[in-house]
N, C-alpha and C. Protein backbone atom coordinates (compact mmCIF):
# COMPACT_ATOMS: atom_id res chain seq x y z
N MET A 1 -17.49 -2.80 8.84
CA MET A 1 -17.75 -1.72 9.79
C MET A 1 -16.61 -1.59 10.80
N LEU A 2 -16.11 -2.75 11.29
CA LEU A 2 -15.01 -2.71 12.23
C LEU A 2 -13.79 -2.05 11.64
N ARG A 3 -13.48 -2.37 10.36
CA ARG A 3 -12.33 -1.75 9.71
C ARG A 3 -12.49 -0.24 9.63
N THR A 4 -13.71 0.21 9.39
CA THR A 4 -13.97 1.65 9.30
C THR A 4 -13.74 2.32 10.65
N ILE A 5 -14.17 1.64 11.73
CA ILE A 5 -13.96 2.21 13.07
C ILE A 5 -12.48 2.31 13.37
N VAL A 6 -11.74 1.24 13.05
CA VAL A 6 -10.30 1.26 13.27
C VAL A 6 -9.65 2.38 12.47
N ALA A 7 -10.11 2.55 11.21
CA ALA A 7 -9.56 3.61 10.37
C ALA A 7 -9.81 4.98 10.98
N ALA A 8 -11.03 5.18 11.47
CA ALA A 8 -11.35 6.48 12.06
C ALA A 8 -10.50 6.75 13.30
N LEU A 9 -10.30 5.71 14.10
CA LEU A 9 -9.45 5.88 15.27
C LEU A 9 -8.03 6.19 14.88
N LEU A 10 -7.54 5.49 13.86
CA LEU A 10 -6.16 5.71 13.40
C LEU A 10 -5.96 7.16 13.00
N PHE A 11 -6.87 7.69 12.22
CA PHE A 11 -6.69 9.04 11.71
C PHE A 11 -7.03 10.09 12.76
N SER A 12 -7.90 9.78 13.69
CA SER A 12 -8.18 10.74 14.76
C SER A 12 -7.00 10.89 15.70
N LEU A 13 -6.13 9.87 15.74
CA LEU A 13 -4.96 9.91 16.60
C LEU A 13 -3.73 10.46 15.91
N THR A 14 -3.86 10.87 14.65
CA THR A 14 -2.70 11.34 13.90
C THR A 14 -1.96 12.45 14.63
N ALA A 15 -2.70 13.38 15.23
CA ALA A 15 -2.05 14.50 15.91
C ALA A 15 -1.18 14.04 17.06
N CYS A 16 -1.52 12.88 17.63
CA CYS A 16 -0.74 12.37 18.75
C CYS A 16 0.54 11.67 18.30
N TYR A 17 0.65 11.38 17.02
CA TYR A 17 1.80 10.63 16.54
C TYR A 17 3.08 11.45 16.52
N ALA A 18 2.96 12.78 16.53
CA ALA A 18 4.14 13.65 16.49
C ALA A 18 5.05 13.28 15.33
N ASN A 19 4.45 12.92 14.20
CA ASN A 19 5.15 12.61 12.96
C ASN A 19 5.90 11.27 12.99
N THR A 20 5.88 10.56 14.09
CA THR A 20 6.47 9.23 14.13
C THR A 20 5.48 8.25 14.75
N VAL A 21 5.65 6.98 14.42
CA VAL A 21 4.84 5.92 15.00
C VAL A 21 5.76 4.77 15.39
N THR A 22 5.30 3.97 16.33
CA THR A 22 5.97 2.70 16.60
C THR A 22 5.32 1.63 15.74
N MET A 23 6.13 0.78 15.16
CA MET A 23 5.65 -0.22 14.21
C MET A 23 6.17 -1.59 14.62
N PHE A 24 5.28 -2.56 14.67
CA PHE A 24 5.66 -3.94 14.96
C PHE A 24 4.92 -4.83 13.99
N PHE A 25 5.65 -5.45 13.08
CA PHE A 25 5.01 -6.33 12.09
C PHE A 25 4.73 -7.69 12.70
N THR A 26 3.50 -8.14 12.55
CA THR A 26 3.08 -9.39 13.16
C THR A 26 2.99 -10.55 12.19
N ALA A 27 2.93 -10.28 10.89
CA ALA A 27 2.83 -11.38 9.93
C ALA A 27 3.27 -10.92 8.55
N LEU A 28 3.90 -11.84 7.83
CA LEU A 28 4.22 -11.62 6.43
C LEU A 28 2.96 -11.58 5.58
N PRO A 29 3.04 -10.98 4.38
CA PRO A 29 1.93 -11.14 3.43
C PRO A 29 1.66 -12.62 3.16
N LYS A 30 0.42 -12.94 2.89
CA LYS A 30 0.03 -14.34 2.72
C LYS A 30 0.46 -14.92 1.37
N ILE A 31 0.68 -14.05 0.39
CA ILE A 31 0.98 -14.51 -0.97
C ILE A 31 2.48 -14.54 -1.20
N ASN A 32 2.98 -15.66 -1.68
CA ASN A 32 4.39 -15.79 -2.05
C ASN A 32 4.44 -16.34 -3.46
N GLU A 33 4.81 -15.50 -4.41
CA GLU A 33 4.97 -15.89 -5.80
C GLU A 33 6.27 -15.31 -6.33
N ASN A 34 6.92 -16.04 -7.21
CA ASN A 34 8.15 -15.58 -7.86
C ASN A 34 9.24 -15.22 -6.86
N GLY A 35 9.20 -15.84 -5.68
CA GLY A 35 10.23 -15.58 -4.68
C GLY A 35 10.04 -14.32 -3.88
N THR A 36 8.89 -13.66 -3.97
CA THR A 36 8.61 -12.46 -3.18
C THR A 36 7.29 -12.61 -2.44
N TYR A 37 7.18 -11.93 -1.32
CA TYR A 37 5.92 -11.85 -0.59
C TYR A 37 5.14 -10.65 -1.09
N ASN A 38 3.87 -10.88 -1.39
CA ASN A 38 3.08 -9.89 -2.12
C ASN A 38 1.78 -9.60 -1.40
N GLY A 39 1.39 -8.33 -1.38
CA GLY A 39 0.13 -7.94 -0.78
C GLY A 39 0.32 -7.36 0.61
N PHE A 40 -0.72 -7.46 1.42
CA PHE A 40 -0.77 -6.76 2.71
C PHE A 40 -0.17 -7.61 3.82
N SER A 41 0.74 -7.00 4.57
CA SER A 41 1.22 -7.59 5.81
C SER A 41 0.42 -6.96 6.96
N THR A 42 0.47 -7.58 8.12
CA THR A 42 -0.23 -7.02 9.28
C THR A 42 0.79 -6.45 10.26
N ALA A 43 0.39 -5.36 10.89
CA ALA A 43 1.28 -4.69 11.83
C ALA A 43 0.46 -4.04 12.93
N THR A 44 1.11 -3.85 14.06
CA THR A 44 0.55 -3.04 15.14
C THR A 44 1.21 -1.67 15.03
N VAL A 45 0.38 -0.65 14.85
CA VAL A 45 0.86 0.71 14.64
C VAL A 45 0.40 1.57 15.81
N ASN A 46 1.37 2.06 16.60
CA ASN A 46 1.04 2.84 17.79
C ASN A 46 0.00 2.14 18.67
N GLY A 47 0.15 0.83 18.79
CA GLY A 47 -0.74 0.06 19.65
C GLY A 47 -2.00 -0.42 18.97
N ASP A 48 -2.29 0.03 17.75
CA ASP A 48 -3.48 -0.43 17.02
C ASP A 48 -3.13 -1.70 16.25
N PRO A 49 -3.71 -2.85 16.61
CA PRO A 49 -3.33 -4.11 15.98
C PRO A 49 -4.00 -4.31 14.62
N ASN A 50 -3.46 -5.26 13.87
CA ASN A 50 -4.08 -5.76 12.64
C ASN A 50 -4.25 -4.69 11.57
N GLN A 51 -3.32 -3.75 11.50
CA GLN A 51 -3.32 -2.77 10.42
C GLN A 51 -2.74 -3.44 9.17
N LEU A 52 -3.36 -3.18 8.02
CA LEU A 52 -2.94 -3.80 6.76
C LEU A 52 -2.07 -2.83 5.99
N LEU A 53 -0.81 -3.18 5.82
CA LEU A 53 0.17 -2.33 5.16
C LEU A 53 0.77 -3.08 3.98
N ILE A 54 1.01 -2.35 2.88
CA ILE A 54 1.64 -2.95 1.71
C ILE A 54 2.94 -2.22 1.42
N CYS A 55 3.95 -2.97 1.03
CA CYS A 55 5.27 -2.40 0.79
C CYS A 55 5.32 -1.74 -0.59
N ASP A 56 5.86 -0.51 -0.64
CA ASP A 56 6.07 0.16 -1.92
C ASP A 56 7.55 0.28 -2.25
N ASP A 57 8.41 -0.31 -1.43
CA ASP A 57 9.86 -0.13 -1.51
C ASP A 57 10.51 -1.46 -1.90
N TYR A 58 10.91 -1.57 -3.15
CA TYR A 58 11.43 -2.83 -3.67
C TYR A 58 12.84 -3.14 -3.17
N ASN A 59 13.64 -2.13 -2.90
CA ASN A 59 15.07 -2.34 -2.74
C ASN A 59 15.52 -2.74 -1.34
N ASP A 60 14.72 -2.46 -0.34
CA ASP A 60 15.14 -2.73 1.03
C ASP A 60 14.52 -4.03 1.54
N GLU A 61 14.64 -4.28 2.82
CA GLU A 61 14.28 -5.57 3.40
C GLU A 61 13.75 -5.38 4.80
N THR A 62 12.72 -6.16 5.15
CA THR A 62 12.11 -6.04 6.47
C THR A 62 11.94 -7.43 7.08
N ILE A 63 12.37 -7.58 8.32
CA ILE A 63 12.18 -8.84 9.04
C ILE A 63 10.75 -8.91 9.57
N MET A 64 10.06 -10.00 9.29
CA MET A 64 8.70 -10.21 9.79
C MET A 64 8.56 -11.63 10.30
N PRO A 65 7.97 -11.83 11.47
CA PRO A 65 7.53 -10.81 12.43
C PRO A 65 8.71 -10.01 12.98
N SER A 66 8.39 -8.83 13.47
CA SER A 66 9.43 -7.96 14.01
C SER A 66 10.00 -8.55 15.30
N SER A 67 11.26 -8.27 15.55
CA SER A 67 11.86 -8.70 16.81
C SER A 67 11.63 -7.68 17.92
N SER A 68 11.33 -6.45 17.53
CA SER A 68 11.05 -5.38 18.50
C SER A 68 10.35 -4.25 17.77
N ASN A 69 9.85 -3.28 18.51
CA ASN A 69 9.23 -2.12 17.90
C ASN A 69 10.25 -1.33 17.09
N MET A 70 9.80 -0.82 15.96
CA MET A 70 10.61 0.08 15.14
C MET A 70 9.94 1.44 15.09
N ILE A 71 10.71 2.47 14.80
CA ILE A 71 10.17 3.82 14.70
C ILE A 71 10.11 4.22 13.23
N TYR A 72 8.92 4.60 12.78
CA TYR A 72 8.69 5.02 11.41
C TYR A 72 8.18 6.46 11.41
N ASP A 73 8.59 7.22 10.42
CA ASP A 73 7.99 8.53 10.17
C ASP A 73 6.66 8.34 9.47
N TYR A 74 5.73 9.21 9.81
CA TYR A 74 4.35 9.11 9.32
C TYR A 74 4.06 10.29 8.41
N SER A 75 3.64 10.00 7.19
CA SER A 75 3.25 11.04 6.23
C SER A 75 1.86 10.75 5.71
N THR A 76 1.21 11.80 5.22
CA THR A 76 -0.07 11.66 4.54
C THR A 76 0.06 12.18 3.11
N LEU A 77 -0.94 11.89 2.32
CA LEU A 77 -0.94 12.35 0.93
C LEU A 77 -1.65 13.69 0.78
N THR A 78 -2.37 14.10 1.80
CA THR A 78 -3.09 15.38 1.78
C THR A 78 -2.73 16.15 3.05
N GLY A 79 -3.30 17.34 3.19
CA GLY A 79 -3.06 18.13 4.39
C GLY A 79 -2.06 19.24 4.16
N ALA A 80 -1.69 19.91 5.25
CA ALA A 80 -0.84 21.09 5.16
C ALA A 80 0.59 20.76 4.74
N ASP A 81 1.06 19.57 5.08
CA ASP A 81 2.46 19.22 4.78
C ASP A 81 2.51 17.79 4.25
N PRO A 82 1.96 17.55 3.05
CA PRO A 82 1.88 16.17 2.55
C PRO A 82 3.26 15.60 2.23
N LEU A 83 3.37 14.30 2.44
CA LEU A 83 4.57 13.55 2.06
C LEU A 83 5.84 14.13 2.69
N GLN A 84 5.71 14.58 3.92
CA GLN A 84 6.82 15.25 4.59
C GLN A 84 8.06 14.35 4.69
N TYR A 85 7.83 13.06 4.93
CA TYR A 85 8.95 12.15 5.14
C TYR A 85 9.05 11.06 4.07
N ALA A 86 8.12 11.04 3.13
CA ALA A 86 8.02 9.93 2.18
C ALA A 86 9.21 9.90 1.22
N MET A 87 9.43 8.73 0.64
CA MET A 87 10.63 8.49 -0.16
C MET A 87 10.50 8.95 -1.61
N PHE A 88 9.27 9.01 -2.13
CA PHE A 88 9.07 9.25 -3.55
C PHE A 88 8.27 10.54 -3.76
N ASP A 89 7.96 10.87 -5.01
CA ASP A 89 7.30 12.15 -5.29
C ASP A 89 5.79 12.02 -5.27
N LYS A 90 5.11 13.18 -5.16
CA LYS A 90 3.67 13.18 -4.95
C LYS A 90 2.91 12.52 -6.08
N SER A 91 3.26 12.82 -7.32
CA SER A 91 2.50 12.25 -8.44
C SER A 91 2.59 10.74 -8.44
N THR A 92 3.72 10.20 -8.03
CA THR A 92 3.86 8.75 -7.96
C THR A 92 2.98 8.18 -6.86
N TYR A 93 2.91 8.84 -5.73
CA TYR A 93 2.08 8.34 -4.64
C TYR A 93 0.59 8.40 -4.99
N GLU A 94 0.18 9.37 -5.76
CA GLU A 94 -1.23 9.42 -6.15
C GLU A 94 -1.59 8.20 -6.98
N GLU A 95 -0.74 7.84 -7.91
CA GLU A 95 -0.98 6.63 -8.70
C GLU A 95 -0.91 5.40 -7.81
N ALA A 96 0.06 5.36 -6.92
CA ALA A 96 0.17 4.24 -5.98
C ALA A 96 -1.07 4.13 -5.11
N ALA A 97 -1.62 5.27 -4.71
CA ALA A 97 -2.81 5.25 -3.86
C ALA A 97 -3.98 4.56 -4.55
N VAL A 98 -4.13 4.79 -5.85
CA VAL A 98 -5.20 4.13 -6.59
C VAL A 98 -4.99 2.63 -6.61
N LEU A 99 -3.76 2.20 -6.86
CA LEU A 99 -3.46 0.76 -6.87
C LEU A 99 -3.76 0.13 -5.51
N VAL A 100 -3.32 0.77 -4.45
CA VAL A 100 -3.52 0.23 -3.10
C VAL A 100 -5.00 0.21 -2.76
N TYR A 101 -5.70 1.29 -3.09
CA TYR A 101 -7.13 1.37 -2.83
C TYR A 101 -7.89 0.24 -3.50
N VAL A 102 -7.65 0.04 -4.80
CA VAL A 102 -8.42 -0.97 -5.52
C VAL A 102 -8.09 -2.36 -5.00
N LEU A 103 -6.80 -2.64 -4.76
CA LEU A 103 -6.45 -3.96 -4.24
C LEU A 103 -7.13 -4.22 -2.89
N ALA A 104 -7.18 -3.19 -2.04
CA ALA A 104 -7.82 -3.35 -0.74
C ALA A 104 -9.31 -3.66 -0.86
N GLU A 105 -9.93 -3.24 -1.96
CA GLU A 105 -11.36 -3.41 -2.12
C GLU A 105 -11.73 -4.66 -2.91
N ILE A 106 -10.77 -5.42 -3.42
CA ILE A 106 -11.08 -6.63 -4.18
C ILE A 106 -11.35 -7.77 -3.20
N PRO A 107 -12.56 -8.33 -3.20
CA PRO A 107 -12.84 -9.42 -2.25
C PRO A 107 -12.18 -10.71 -2.72
N ASN A 108 -11.48 -11.36 -1.80
CA ASN A 108 -10.88 -12.67 -2.08
C ASN A 108 -10.03 -12.67 -3.35
N ALA A 109 -9.17 -11.67 -3.47
CA ALA A 109 -8.32 -11.57 -4.65
C ALA A 109 -7.42 -12.80 -4.76
N SER A 110 -7.26 -13.30 -5.97
CA SER A 110 -6.41 -14.46 -6.20
C SER A 110 -4.95 -14.09 -6.00
N ALA A 111 -4.11 -15.11 -5.85
CA ALA A 111 -2.68 -14.88 -5.68
C ALA A 111 -2.10 -14.13 -6.87
N ASP A 112 -2.54 -14.47 -8.08
CA ASP A 112 -2.02 -13.80 -9.27
C ASP A 112 -2.42 -12.32 -9.30
N ILE A 113 -3.65 -12.02 -8.91
CA ILE A 113 -4.09 -10.63 -8.92
C ILE A 113 -3.33 -9.82 -7.87
N VAL A 114 -3.19 -10.37 -6.67
CA VAL A 114 -2.43 -9.68 -5.64
C VAL A 114 -1.00 -9.41 -6.12
N THR A 115 -0.39 -10.42 -6.75
CA THR A 115 0.98 -10.27 -7.24
C THR A 115 1.05 -9.22 -8.33
N ASP A 116 0.06 -9.18 -9.21
CA ASP A 116 0.05 -8.16 -10.26
C ASP A 116 0.05 -6.76 -9.65
N TYR A 117 -0.78 -6.53 -8.66
CA TYR A 117 -0.83 -5.21 -8.03
C TYR A 117 0.47 -4.90 -7.30
N GLN A 118 1.03 -5.91 -6.61
CA GLN A 118 2.27 -5.67 -5.89
C GLN A 118 3.40 -5.32 -6.85
N TYR A 119 3.54 -6.06 -7.94
CA TYR A 119 4.62 -5.79 -8.88
C TYR A 119 4.40 -4.46 -9.59
N ALA A 120 3.14 -4.13 -9.90
CA ALA A 120 2.86 -2.84 -10.51
C ALA A 120 3.25 -1.70 -9.56
N LEU A 121 3.00 -1.88 -8.27
CA LEU A 121 3.35 -0.86 -7.27
C LEU A 121 4.86 -0.73 -7.14
N TRP A 122 5.59 -1.84 -7.01
CA TRP A 122 7.04 -1.77 -6.90
C TRP A 122 7.68 -1.12 -8.11
N ASN A 123 7.23 -1.53 -9.30
CA ASN A 123 7.81 -1.00 -10.53
C ASN A 123 7.48 0.48 -10.71
N LEU A 124 6.30 0.89 -10.26
CA LEU A 124 5.92 2.29 -10.31
C LEU A 124 6.89 3.14 -9.49
N MET A 125 7.17 2.72 -8.28
CA MET A 125 8.02 3.50 -7.40
C MET A 125 9.50 3.35 -7.74
N THR A 126 9.90 2.18 -8.21
CA THR A 126 11.29 1.89 -8.55
C THR A 126 11.30 1.24 -9.92
N PRO A 127 11.45 2.01 -10.99
CA PRO A 127 11.34 1.46 -12.34
C PRO A 127 12.28 0.30 -12.64
N SER A 128 13.37 0.18 -11.89
CA SER A 128 14.27 -0.95 -12.11
C SER A 128 13.72 -2.25 -11.52
N ALA A 129 12.69 -2.16 -10.70
CA ALA A 129 12.08 -3.36 -10.12
C ALA A 129 11.40 -4.15 -11.23
N ARG A 130 11.63 -5.43 -11.24
CA ARG A 130 11.12 -6.26 -12.34
C ARG A 130 9.62 -6.45 -12.25
N LEU A 131 9.01 -6.57 -13.40
CA LEU A 131 7.64 -7.06 -13.51
C LEU A 131 7.69 -8.57 -13.75
N ASP A 132 6.59 -9.25 -13.52
CA ASP A 132 6.51 -10.68 -13.79
C ASP A 132 6.55 -10.88 -15.31
N PRO A 133 7.57 -11.56 -15.85
CA PRO A 133 7.67 -11.69 -17.31
C PRO A 133 6.44 -12.30 -17.95
N SER A 134 5.73 -13.16 -17.22
CA SER A 134 4.55 -13.81 -17.81
C SER A 134 3.30 -12.95 -17.71
N ARG A 135 3.37 -11.82 -16.97
CA ARG A 135 2.18 -10.99 -16.76
C ARG A 135 2.50 -9.50 -16.90
N ILE A 136 3.48 -9.20 -17.71
CA ILE A 136 3.87 -7.81 -17.90
C ILE A 136 2.70 -6.97 -18.43
N ALA A 137 1.96 -7.51 -19.39
CA ALA A 137 0.86 -6.74 -19.98
C ALA A 137 -0.17 -6.35 -18.93
N GLN A 138 -0.54 -7.30 -18.06
CA GLN A 138 -1.53 -7.00 -17.02
C GLN A 138 -1.00 -5.96 -16.04
N GLU A 139 0.26 -6.09 -15.65
CA GLU A 139 0.82 -5.18 -14.65
C GLU A 139 1.03 -3.78 -15.22
N GLN A 140 1.44 -3.69 -16.47
CA GLN A 140 1.56 -2.38 -17.09
C GLN A 140 0.19 -1.74 -17.30
N ALA A 141 -0.81 -2.56 -17.59
CA ALA A 141 -2.17 -2.02 -17.75
C ALA A 141 -2.68 -1.45 -16.43
N LEU A 142 -2.38 -2.11 -15.31
CA LEU A 142 -2.77 -1.56 -14.01
C LEU A 142 -2.16 -0.18 -13.79
N GLN A 143 -0.89 -0.04 -14.11
CA GLN A 143 -0.23 1.25 -13.97
C GLN A 143 -0.86 2.30 -14.88
N SER A 144 -1.11 1.94 -16.13
CA SER A 144 -1.67 2.88 -17.09
C SER A 144 -3.07 3.33 -16.67
N ASN A 145 -3.89 2.39 -16.21
CA ASN A 145 -5.24 2.73 -15.79
C ASN A 145 -5.23 3.61 -14.54
N ALA A 146 -4.33 3.29 -13.60
CA ALA A 146 -4.23 4.13 -12.40
C ALA A 146 -3.81 5.54 -12.75
N LEU A 147 -2.83 5.68 -13.65
CA LEU A 147 -2.38 7.02 -14.06
C LEU A 147 -3.50 7.77 -14.77
N ALA A 148 -4.27 7.07 -15.60
CA ALA A 148 -5.39 7.72 -16.29
C ALA A 148 -6.42 8.24 -15.30
N MET A 149 -6.67 7.49 -14.24
CA MET A 149 -7.61 7.95 -13.22
C MET A 149 -7.09 9.19 -12.51
N VAL A 150 -5.81 9.16 -12.15
CA VAL A 150 -5.21 10.31 -11.47
C VAL A 150 -5.32 11.57 -12.33
N ASN A 151 -5.17 11.41 -13.63
CA ASN A 151 -5.18 12.56 -14.54
C ASN A 151 -6.57 12.95 -15.03
N ASN A 152 -7.59 12.21 -14.64
CA ASN A 152 -8.96 12.47 -15.08
C ASN A 152 -9.64 13.41 -14.09
N SER A 153 -9.89 14.63 -14.51
CA SER A 153 -10.46 15.63 -13.60
C SER A 153 -11.83 15.22 -13.09
N ALA A 154 -12.56 14.41 -13.84
CA ALA A 154 -13.88 13.98 -13.40
C ALA A 154 -13.81 13.08 -12.17
N GLU A 155 -12.69 12.40 -12.00
CA GLU A 155 -12.54 11.50 -10.87
C GLU A 155 -11.84 12.16 -9.68
N ALA A 156 -11.37 13.40 -9.87
CA ALA A 156 -10.62 14.07 -8.81
C ALA A 156 -11.39 14.21 -7.50
N PRO A 157 -12.70 14.56 -7.51
CA PRO A 157 -13.39 14.71 -6.21
C PRO A 157 -13.40 13.42 -5.39
N PHE A 158 -13.68 12.30 -6.05
CA PHE A 158 -13.67 11.03 -5.33
C PHE A 158 -12.28 10.66 -4.84
N LEU A 159 -11.30 10.78 -5.74
CA LEU A 159 -9.93 10.41 -5.35
C LEU A 159 -9.44 11.25 -4.17
N THR A 160 -9.71 12.55 -4.23
CA THR A 160 -9.23 13.44 -3.17
C THR A 160 -9.90 13.13 -1.84
N ALA A 161 -11.22 12.96 -1.87
CA ALA A 161 -11.97 12.83 -0.62
C ALA A 161 -11.95 11.42 -0.05
N SER A 162 -11.94 10.41 -0.91
CA SER A 162 -12.16 9.04 -0.44
C SER A 162 -10.99 8.09 -0.65
N VAL A 163 -9.96 8.54 -1.35
CA VAL A 163 -8.77 7.71 -1.54
C VAL A 163 -7.55 8.40 -0.93
N TYR A 164 -7.17 9.55 -1.51
CA TYR A 164 -5.95 10.23 -1.03
C TYR A 164 -6.04 10.57 0.45
N ALA A 165 -7.22 10.96 0.91
CA ALA A 165 -7.37 11.39 2.30
C ALA A 165 -7.16 10.25 3.29
N TYR A 166 -7.22 9.00 2.81
CA TYR A 166 -7.11 7.84 3.70
C TYR A 166 -5.84 7.05 3.47
N ILE A 167 -4.88 7.66 2.81
CA ILE A 167 -3.59 7.02 2.59
C ILE A 167 -2.61 7.46 3.68
N ALA A 168 -1.97 6.50 4.31
CA ALA A 168 -0.90 6.76 5.28
C ALA A 168 0.38 6.12 4.74
N ILE A 169 1.49 6.81 4.90
CA ILE A 169 2.79 6.35 4.40
C ILE A 169 3.74 6.26 5.58
N TYR A 170 4.36 5.12 5.75
CA TYR A 170 5.26 4.87 6.86
C TYR A 170 6.67 4.65 6.33
N THR A 171 7.57 5.58 6.65
CA THR A 171 8.94 5.57 6.17
C THR A 171 9.88 5.35 7.34
N PRO A 172 10.79 4.38 7.26
CA PRO A 172 11.66 4.12 8.41
C PRO A 172 12.54 5.32 8.74
N THR A 173 12.68 5.60 10.02
CA THR A 173 13.59 6.66 10.45
C THR A 173 15.03 6.20 10.24
N SER A 174 15.96 7.13 10.38
CA SER A 174 17.36 6.83 10.09
C SER A 174 17.88 5.69 10.96
N ALA A 175 17.36 5.57 12.17
CA ALA A 175 17.81 4.49 13.06
C ALA A 175 17.41 3.12 12.54
N TYR A 176 16.41 3.10 11.66
CA TYR A 176 15.92 1.83 11.12
C TYR A 176 16.07 1.79 9.60
N ALA A 177 17.01 2.56 9.09
CA ALA A 177 17.28 2.57 7.65
C ALA A 177 17.62 1.16 7.19
N GLY A 178 17.17 0.85 5.99
CA GLY A 178 17.33 -0.51 5.47
C GLY A 178 16.05 -1.30 5.55
N ASN A 179 15.11 -0.86 6.41
CA ASN A 179 13.76 -1.41 6.37
C ASN A 179 12.98 -0.72 5.25
N GLN A 180 11.87 -1.31 4.90
CA GLN A 180 11.10 -0.82 3.77
C GLN A 180 10.05 0.22 4.17
N GLU A 181 9.64 1.00 3.19
CA GLU A 181 8.51 1.90 3.37
C GLU A 181 7.23 1.14 3.07
N PHE A 182 6.16 1.51 3.78
CA PHE A 182 4.87 0.85 3.62
C PHE A 182 3.76 1.88 3.46
N VAL A 183 2.69 1.45 2.79
CA VAL A 183 1.53 2.30 2.54
C VAL A 183 0.31 1.61 3.13
N GLU A 184 -0.57 2.41 3.72
CA GLU A 184 -1.83 1.89 4.25
C GLU A 184 -2.99 2.67 3.65
N TYR A 185 -4.04 1.94 3.27
CA TYR A 185 -5.31 2.56 2.92
C TYR A 185 -6.28 2.23 4.03
N ALA A 186 -6.78 3.25 4.74
CA ALA A 186 -7.47 3.02 5.99
C ALA A 186 -8.98 2.83 5.88
N VAL A 187 -9.50 2.68 4.66
CA VAL A 187 -10.84 2.19 4.41
C VAL A 187 -11.94 3.02 5.04
N PRO A 188 -12.34 4.14 4.41
CA PRO A 188 -13.51 4.89 4.87
C PRO A 188 -14.78 4.18 4.45
N GLU A 189 -15.92 4.75 4.86
CA GLU A 189 -17.19 4.23 4.36
C GLU A 189 -17.19 4.32 2.84
N PRO A 190 -17.67 3.28 2.14
CA PRO A 190 -17.60 3.28 0.68
C PRO A 190 -18.55 4.27 0.03
N ASN A 191 -18.09 4.88 -1.06
CA ASN A 191 -18.93 5.64 -1.97
C ASN A 191 -19.10 4.75 -3.19
N LEU A 192 -20.15 3.97 -3.22
CA LEU A 192 -20.21 2.85 -4.15
C LEU A 192 -20.24 3.27 -5.61
N GLY A 193 -20.85 4.42 -5.92
CA GLY A 193 -20.89 4.84 -7.32
C GLY A 193 -19.50 5.02 -7.90
N TRP A 194 -18.68 5.80 -7.23
CA TRP A 194 -17.31 6.00 -7.68
C TRP A 194 -16.49 4.73 -7.52
N ALA A 195 -16.67 4.05 -6.41
CA ALA A 195 -15.81 2.90 -6.12
C ALA A 195 -15.98 1.80 -7.15
N VAL A 196 -17.23 1.52 -7.54
CA VAL A 196 -17.45 0.45 -8.51
C VAL A 196 -16.79 0.78 -9.84
N GLY A 197 -16.88 2.04 -10.26
CA GLY A 197 -16.25 2.43 -11.52
C GLY A 197 -14.75 2.25 -11.51
N LEU A 198 -14.10 2.72 -10.46
CA LEU A 198 -12.66 2.55 -10.35
C LEU A 198 -12.28 1.09 -10.24
N PHE A 199 -13.05 0.35 -9.45
CA PHE A 199 -12.77 -1.08 -9.26
C PHE A 199 -12.84 -1.82 -10.59
N LEU A 200 -13.87 -1.58 -11.37
CA LEU A 200 -14.03 -2.30 -12.63
C LEU A 200 -12.95 -1.93 -13.63
N LEU A 201 -12.56 -0.65 -13.66
CA LEU A 201 -11.52 -0.24 -14.60
C LEU A 201 -10.19 -0.92 -14.31
N LEU A 202 -9.80 -0.96 -13.05
CA LEU A 202 -8.53 -1.58 -12.74
C LEU A 202 -8.62 -3.10 -12.79
N LEU A 203 -9.73 -3.66 -12.36
CA LEU A 203 -9.87 -5.11 -12.41
C LEU A 203 -9.84 -5.61 -13.84
N ALA A 204 -10.31 -4.82 -14.79
CA ALA A 204 -10.30 -5.21 -16.19
C ALA A 204 -8.89 -5.39 -16.73
N ALA A 205 -7.92 -4.79 -16.09
CA ALA A 205 -6.54 -4.88 -16.55
C ALA A 205 -5.88 -6.20 -16.13
N VAL A 206 -6.51 -6.93 -15.22
CA VAL A 206 -5.87 -8.12 -14.66
C VAL A 206 -6.47 -9.38 -15.27
N GLY A 207 -6.19 -10.10 -15.98
CA GLY A 207 -6.79 -11.28 -16.66
C GLY A 207 -7.35 -12.50 -15.94
N VAL A 208 3.10 -17.96 -8.11
CA VAL A 208 3.57 -18.36 -8.97
C VAL A 208 4.31 -19.16 -8.15
N LYS A 209 5.54 -19.86 -6.43
CA LYS A 209 5.25 -21.07 -5.75
C LYS A 209 5.43 -20.81 -4.27
N VAL A 210 4.57 -21.28 -3.45
CA VAL A 210 4.52 -20.78 -2.09
C VAL A 210 5.52 -21.49 -1.18
N ARG A 211 6.32 -20.69 -0.45
CA ARG A 211 7.16 -21.21 0.62
C ARG A 211 6.56 -20.73 1.94
N GLN A 212 6.40 -21.60 2.88
CA GLN A 212 5.74 -21.24 4.13
C GLN A 212 6.76 -20.78 5.18
N ASN A 213 6.35 -19.76 5.95
CA ASN A 213 7.04 -19.33 7.16
C ASN A 213 8.48 -18.88 7.01
N PRO A 214 8.89 -18.24 5.92
CA PRO A 214 10.22 -17.66 5.94
C PRO A 214 10.25 -16.45 6.86
N GLN A 215 11.41 -16.08 7.30
CA GLN A 215 11.54 -15.03 8.29
C GLN A 215 11.81 -13.66 7.71
N ARG A 216 12.00 -13.59 6.40
CA ARG A 216 12.47 -12.33 5.83
C ARG A 216 11.58 -11.94 4.66
N PHE A 217 11.12 -10.70 4.66
CA PHE A 217 10.34 -10.17 3.55
C PHE A 217 11.34 -9.65 2.54
N ARG A 218 11.80 -10.53 1.66
CA ARG A 218 12.90 -10.17 0.74
C ARG A 218 12.34 -9.86 -0.62
N LEU A 219 12.73 -8.70 -1.15
CA LEU A 219 12.21 -8.25 -2.42
C LEU A 219 13.30 -8.29 -3.47
């Protein structure tokens, strides 16, 4: 319930953001496998603490915790001017939104599952980004299932109203170029009928060594 309230506040304040937000990362993602940090990091966004953001940008680098506030452009996946500042194309973000949504809804996801979703997301946005050689089948299946959902007209009402509408995309402004882009799913009240179906489909696709306290989210 608390997450839902925070989400509602975040989106009710969108008009005040003037297309930019201040961003301060407070913690690295908890999962470190294959030399990368995977899953959700925490950030304070325009003064709202403990926002869960996941990186969709494989090629750049972000220092965490932040040394100071950074300025990010704010885009949405829906509305009058979707993806105004985002780095990639709309069809890719729709598939990414499904991956982020399902990962956010998996309770107590294992390190391997989190890593599978993270690598599937990076490779989706940047095809040159490597998949985990030992789990390529699972990660490609996540991408295929997400794309099938996006293309399934029967799932369009749920995706549009309860997934795409709650996706926020944070792209670094030119002054902070070299930092990564991040995606947030702001968690509305669940629609369990649709949610369980999507959750089970993507979870069915999913069947490495931790270093503590590094200072750099290196991909």
